[in-house]
Amino acid sequence: MAPMSTIKTVCVYCGSGPGTNPNFIEAAKALGKSLADNKIRLVYGGGSLGLMGAVATSVLDHGGTVTGIIPDFLRMRENALTRVQEMVVTPDMHERKRLMFERSDAFVALPGGLGTLEELVEQLTWQQLGRHAKPVLLANVDNFWEPLFSLVSHMRQTQFIRAGLSVDILKADKVEEIVPRLRAAAAQIPDGQRDLAPEVARKL
């Protein structure tokens, strides 16, 4: 098994809309180029709209490789991107999230809505409970994720995140910091600790 510092696949969670700030789309495009330049495969939600479409199209435009994973009921709504090298259609959201986890060495959250938040928090919860140790990074474009960092800090202060239940959230304010920080974090992870226990994965 290759060392985790050689991260080969990154899952990106992000909005299926563009948001109100043009820097969000630009960050998605820049991340796509960075992944392609570093020969890192993108795993994402499969759509062609918003930030999802921007990051995937950028990876492809710069010679990279993309796996889209989309539930059947969202194929039309999110206009599944047909250019990708691999498109996996799942029967439901649970299967989509399981496959996105299994196929990824690390996770990055660009700006997004409730779906992005839900996927991100699930990975942080699994990490907190010791079910995986894969790096989870928030791309804090124009301070988008600052309210979440404040909420996590509040949870610590009120002892709902207690000693022994730490949350290791990586943060990058600039896109060019993302891949180096993921690699640095991954290099600290023993190979045997990176994956969710198989019996848990089958239940989710």
Protein backbone atom coordinates (compact mmCIF):
# COMPACT_ATOMS: atom_id res chain seq x y z
CA MET A 1 0.00 0.00 0.00
CA ALA A 2 1.36 3.41 -0.97
CA PRO A 3 2.10 5.88 1.83
CA MET A 4 -0.80 8.21 2.52
CA SER A 5 1.40 11.21 1.72
CA THR A 6 1.09 10.17 -1.95
CA ILE A 7 -2.66 10.98 -1.86
CA LYS A 8 -4.09 9.74 -5.16
CA THR A 9 -7.75 10.66 -4.83
CA VAL A 10 -9.52 13.61 -3.20
CA CYS A 11 -13.25 13.90 -2.61
CA VAL A 12 -14.55 17.45 -2.99
CA TYR A 13 -17.83 18.47 -1.41
CA CYS A 14 -19.31 21.73 -2.73
CA GLY A 15 -22.44 23.51 -3.87
CA SER A 16 -24.47 22.63 -6.95
CA GLY A 17 -25.04 26.37 -7.30
CA PRO A 18 -22.45 29.11 -7.94
CA GLY A 19 -23.15 31.21 -4.84
CA THR A 20 -23.13 35.01 -4.85
CA ASN A 21 -19.36 35.51 -4.71
CA PRO A 22 -17.47 34.99 -8.01
CA ASN A 23 -14.41 33.99 -5.98
CA PHE A 24 -16.18 30.73 -5.10
CA ILE A 25 -16.26 29.61 -8.75
CA GLU A 26 -12.70 30.80 -9.29
CA ALA A 27 -11.54 28.80 -6.28
CA ALA A 28 -13.31 25.69 -7.61
CA LYS A 29 -11.59 26.09 -10.98
CA ALA A 30 -8.21 26.66 -9.31
CA LEU A 31 -8.64 23.57 -7.14
CA GLY A 32 -9.50 21.52 -10.22
CA LYS A 33 -6.31 22.66 -11.93
CA SER A 34 -4.28 21.93 -8.81
CA LEU A 35 -5.64 18.39 -8.58
CA ALA A 36 -4.94 17.74 -12.26
CA ASP A 37 -1.43 19.22 -12.05
CA ASN A 38 -0.67 16.96 -9.08
CA LYS A 39 -2.17 13.91 -10.81
CA ILE A 40 -4.80 13.52 -8.10
CA ARG A 41 -8.13 12.03 -9.15
CA LEU A 42 -11.25 13.98 -8.23
CA VAL A 43 -14.20 12.19 -6.66
CA TYR A 44 -17.28 14.39 -6.47
CA GLY A 45 -21.07 14.42 -6.65
CA GLY A 46 -21.35 14.03 -10.41
CA GLY A 47 -23.19 17.20 -11.40
CA SER A 48 -22.28 19.80 -14.04
CA LEU A 49 -23.79 22.83 -12.29
CA GLY A 50 -22.38 25.37 -9.85
CA LEU A 51 -19.15 24.75 -7.99
CA MET A 52 -19.50 21.00 -8.60
CA GLY A 53 -19.40 21.51 -12.34
CA ALA A 54 -16.63 24.09 -12.12
CA VAL A 55 -14.20 21.91 -10.18
CA ALA A 56 -14.84 18.80 -12.28
CA THR A 57 -14.66 20.64 -15.62
CA SER A 58 -11.41 22.28 -14.56
CA VAL A 59 -9.85 18.94 -13.67
CA LEU A 60 -10.83 17.58 -17.08
CA ASP A 61 -9.72 20.71 -18.96
CA HIS A 62 -6.26 20.36 -17.40
CA GLY A 63 -5.85 16.69 -18.26
CA GLY A 64 -6.96 15.20 -14.96
CA THR A 65 -9.24 12.31 -14.05
CA VAL A 66 -12.71 12.51 -12.53
CA THR A 67 -15.09 10.06 -10.90
CA GLY A 68 -18.64 11.32 -10.45
CA ILE A 69 -20.96 9.56 -8.00
CA ILE A 70 -24.59 10.59 -8.25
CA PRO A 71 -27.91 9.14 -7.09
CA ASP A 72 -30.27 8.22 -9.88
CA PHE A 73 -32.90 10.76 -8.77
CA LEU A 74 -30.39 13.63 -9.10
CA ARG A 75 -29.07 12.82 -12.58
CA MET A 76 -31.52 15.17 -14.30
CA ARG A 77 -31.77 17.76 -11.52
CA GLU A 78 -28.00 18.29 -11.26
CA ASN A 79 -27.37 17.61 -14.97
CA ALA A 80 -24.82 14.79 -14.60
CA LEU A 81 -21.50 15.66 -16.27
CA THR A 82 -21.07 13.28 -19.19
CA ARG A 83 -17.39 14.15 -19.86
CA VAL A 84 -16.07 12.39 -16.77
CA GLN A 85 -14.01 9.23 -17.17
CA GLU A 86 -16.21 7.37 -14.68
CA MET A 87 -19.80 8.03 -13.61
CA VAL A 88 -21.28 5.85 -10.88
CA VAL A 89 -25.06 6.01 -10.48
CA THR A 90 -26.31 4.91 -7.07
CA PRO A 91 -29.82 4.02 -5.88
CA ASP A 92 -29.75 6.52 -3.00
CA MET A 93 -27.76 9.12 -1.07
CA HIS A 94 -26.44 6.61 1.46
CA GLU A 95 -24.75 4.52 -1.21
CA ARG A 96 -23.38 7.66 -2.85
CA LYS A 97 -21.75 8.83 0.38
CA ARG A 98 -20.36 5.37 1.16
CA LEU A 99 -18.70 5.10 -2.25
CA MET A 100 -17.35 8.65 -2.06
CA PHE A 101 -15.75 7.73 1.25
CA GLU A 102 -14.33 4.42 0.08
CA ARG A 103 -12.81 5.86 -3.10
CA SER A 104 -11.09 8.84 -1.46
CA ASP A 105 -7.87 9.41 0.46
CA ALA A 106 -8.90 12.86 1.74
CA PHE A 107 -11.82 15.30 1.74
CA VAL A 108 -12.08 18.99 0.82
CA ALA A 109 -15.12 21.18 1.39
CA LEU A 110 -15.53 24.20 -0.85
CA PRO A 111 -18.41 26.60 -0.15
CA GLY A 112 -21.83 25.00 -0.39
CA GLY A 113 -25.22 24.54 1.21
CA LEU A 114 -26.86 22.03 3.51
CA GLY A 115 -25.80 19.02 1.43
CA THR A 116 -22.17 20.10 1.53
CA LEU A 117 -22.41 20.74 5.27
CA GLU A 118 -24.06 17.38 5.91
CA GLU A 119 -21.39 15.44 4.00
CA LEU A 120 -18.60 17.37 5.69
CA VAL A 121 -19.98 16.93 9.21
CA GLU A 122 -20.47 13.22 8.63
CA GLN A 123 -16.78 12.79 7.81
CA LEU A 124 -15.79 14.87 10.85
CA THR A 125 -18.09 12.77 13.06
CA TRP A 126 -16.65 9.49 11.78
CA GLN A 127 -13.16 10.89 12.34
CA GLN A 128 -14.08 12.05 15.85
CA LEU A 129 -15.36 8.55 16.69
CA GLY A 130 -12.18 6.95 15.40
CA ARG A 131 -13.72 5.31 12.34
CA HIS A 132 -11.20 6.87 9.95
CA ALA A 133 -8.20 9.18 9.97
CA LYS A 134 -8.34 10.58 6.45
CA PRO A 135 -7.62 14.34 6.27
CA VAL A 136 -10.64 16.67 6.15
CA LEU A 137 -9.97 20.22 4.96
CA LEU A 138 -12.17 23.28 4.65
CA ALA A 139 -11.33 25.59 1.76
CA ASN A 140 -12.09 28.82 3.60
CA VAL A 141 -12.66 30.96 0.50
CA ASP A 142 -13.25 34.56 1.59
CA ASN A 143 -13.87 33.27 5.15
CA PHE A 144 -16.90 31.24 4.06
CA TRP A 145 -16.42 28.60 6.78
CA GLU A 146 -15.67 30.98 9.67
CA PRO A 147 -19.18 30.56 11.19
CA LEU A 148 -18.59 26.80 11.36
CA PHE A 149 -15.20 27.25 13.03
CA SER A 150 -16.88 29.55 15.56
CA LEU A 151 -19.59 26.97 16.20
CA VAL A 152 -17.02 24.20 16.76
CA SER A 153 -15.16 26.49 19.17
CA HIS A 154 -18.44 27.12 21.01
CA MET A 155 -19.06 23.36 21.23
CA ARG A 156 -15.62 22.94 22.80
CA GLN A 157 -16.22 25.74 25.27
CA THR A 158 -19.53 24.22 26.34
CA GLN A 159 -17.89 20.76 26.53
CA PHE A 160 -20.03 19.05 23.93
CA ILE A 161 -16.72 18.38 22.20
CA ARG A 162 -14.83 16.99 25.18
CA ALA A 163 -11.26 15.93 25.76
CA GLY A 164 -10.65 12.74 23.84
CA LEU A 165 -13.27 13.69 21.23
CA SER A 166 -11.20 16.23 19.36
CA VAL A 167 -12.10 17.33 15.84
CA ASP A 168 -9.12 17.74 13.53
CA ILE A 169 -10.28 20.23 10.89
CA LEU A 170 -7.67 21.44 8.44
CA LYS A 171 -8.11 24.90 6.97
CA ALA A 172 -6.74 26.56 3.86
CA ASP A 173 -7.45 30.19 3.01
CA LYS A 174 -5.75 29.85 -0.39
CA VAL A 175 -6.29 27.11 -2.95
CA GLU A 176 -2.57 26.58 -3.44
CA GLU A 177 -2.29 25.54 0.21
CA ILE A 178 -4.78 22.67 -0.10
CA VAL A 179 -2.75 19.84 -1.64
CA PRO A 180 0.39 20.49 0.46
CA ARG A 181 -1.67 20.53 3.67
CA LEU A 182 -3.49 17.34 2.76
CA ARG A 183 -0.19 15.60 2.01
CA ALA A 184 1.42 16.85 5.21
CA ALA A 185 -1.53 15.63 7.27
CA ALA A 186 -1.69 12.30 5.48
CA ALA A 187 2.00 11.68 6.06
CA GLN A 188 1.26 11.54 9.81
CA ILE A 189 -1.37 8.80 9.47
CA PRO A 190 -0.39 5.13 9.90
CA ASP A 191 -1.76 3.22 6.91
CA GLY A 192 -3.76 0.88 9.11
CA GLN A 193 -5.72 3.73 10.68
CA ARG A 194 -6.96 5.57 7.61
CA ASP A 195 -10.06 3.54 6.67
CA LEU A 196 -13.50 3.16 8.17
CA ALA A 197 -14.01 -0.28 9.69
CA PRO A 198 -15.54 -2.47 6.93
CA GLU A 199 -18.42 -3.64 9.12
CA VAL A 200 -19.41 -0.01 9.73
CA ALA A 201 -19.14 0.91 6.04
CA ARG A 202 -21.55 -1.86 5.11
CA LYS A 203 -24.18 -0.50 7.50
CA LEU A 204 -24.07 3.12 6.30
